[in-house]
């Protein structure tokens, strides 16, 4: 259910529901692999298992642009090695 504080029409409430679903999803830590990542601030994610801190998206651990950049870097490292 969408929070009653969301003002606007149905489409705004549906969009806010999708954002909340992303925010509350379980994310695995890239370092230890445990599903213990929590958002501490906008774009800052901390693992409760190993205390690692990562910069990510505002509502999810990774963004589409970040995933593309990680693939490009991995491909570059693979070719140069």
Protein backbone atom coordinates (compact mmCIF):
# COMPACT_ATOMS: atom_id res chain seq x y z
CA UNK A 1 0.00 0.00 0.00
CA UNK A 2 1.21 3.46 -0.80
CA UNK A 3 1.76 5.96 1.97
CA UNK A 4 -1.13 8.41 2.38
CA UNK A 5 1.38 11.29 2.41
CA UNK A 6 1.96 10.90 -1.33
CA UNK A 7 0.05 13.69 -3.01
CA UNK A 8 -1.08 13.50 -6.59
CA UNK A 9 -2.94 11.14 -8.82
CA UNK A 10 -2.87 7.42 -9.27
CA UNK A 11 0.20 7.39 -11.53
CA UNK A 12 2.29 9.23 -8.92
CA UNK A 13 1.21 6.76 -6.23
CA UNK A 14 2.06 3.80 -8.47
CA UNK A 15 5.50 5.28 -9.18
CA UNK A 16 6.10 5.84 -5.46
CA UNK A 17 5.09 2.25 -4.74
CA UNK A 18 7.71 1.03 -7.24
CA UNK A 19 10.37 3.23 -5.61
CA UNK A 20 9.51 1.90 -2.14
CA UNK A 21 9.66 -1.67 -3.44
CA UNK A 22 13.21 -1.03 -4.75
CA UNK A 23 14.24 0.67 -1.52
CA UNK A 24 13.01 -2.13 0.75
CA UNK A 25 14.35 -5.00 -1.43
CA UNK A 26 17.07 -7.31 -0.10
CA UNK A 27 20.48 -6.59 -1.66
CA UNK A 28 23.53 -8.83 -1.39
CA UNK A 29 26.82 -7.28 -0.32
CA UNK A 30 29.36 -7.23 -3.18
CA UNK A 31 32.17 -7.95 -0.69
CA UNK A 32 30.84 -10.67 1.64
CA UNK A 33 27.78 -11.86 -0.31
CA UNK A 34 25.37 -11.63 2.62
CA UNK A 35 21.92 -10.07 2.03
CA UNK A 36 22.54 -7.39 4.65
CA UNK A 37 22.84 -4.16 2.65
CA UNK A 38 20.96 -1.17 4.07
CA UNK A 39 20.75 2.40 2.80
CA UNK A 40 22.20 4.83 5.33
CA UNK A 41 21.78 8.01 3.28
CA UNK A 42 20.90 8.97 -0.28
CA UNK A 43 23.14 6.81 -2.47
CA UNK A 44 25.17 5.43 0.48
CA UNK A 45 24.80 1.71 1.27
CA UNK A 46 26.35 -0.12 4.22
CA UNK A 47 26.63 -3.85 4.86
CA UNK A 48 25.53 -4.91 8.33
CA UNK A 49 27.63 -8.08 8.01
CA UNK A 50 31.10 -6.79 7.10
CA UNK A 51 30.63 -2.99 7.59
CA UNK A 52 31.63 -2.24 3.99
CA UNK A 53 30.29 1.05 2.60
CA UNK A 54 29.39 1.53 -1.07
CA UNK A 55 28.10 4.35 -3.22
CA UNK A 56 25.15 3.37 -5.35
CA UNK A 57 21.80 4.55 -6.54
CA UNK A 58 19.36 6.56 -4.48
CA UNK A 59 16.82 3.75 -4.19
CA UNK A 60 18.80 0.64 -5.22
CA UNK A 61 22.32 -0.62 -4.66
CA UNK A 62 23.26 -0.31 -8.34
CA UNK A 63 22.07 1.80 -11.23
CA UNK A 64 21.82 0.87 -14.90
CA UNK A 65 24.69 3.21 -15.72
CA UNK A 66 26.79 1.68 -12.94
CA UNK A 67 26.18 -1.83 -14.24
CA UNK A 68 27.22 -0.78 -17.76
CA UNK A 69 30.36 0.88 -16.41
CA UNK A 70 31.26 -2.23 -14.40
CA UNK A 71 30.90 -4.41 -17.52
CA UNK A 72 33.08 -2.03 -19.55
CA UNK A 73 35.80 -2.01 -16.88
CA UNK A 74 35.67 -5.80 -16.51
CA UNK A 75 35.89 -6.22 -20.29
CA UNK A 76 38.83 -3.80 -20.47
CA UNK A 77 40.67 -5.62 -17.67
CA UNK A 78 40.00 -8.96 -19.33
CA UNK A 79 41.42 -7.78 -22.66
CA UNK A 80 44.49 -6.09 -21.21
CA UNK A 81 45.43 -9.06 -19.00
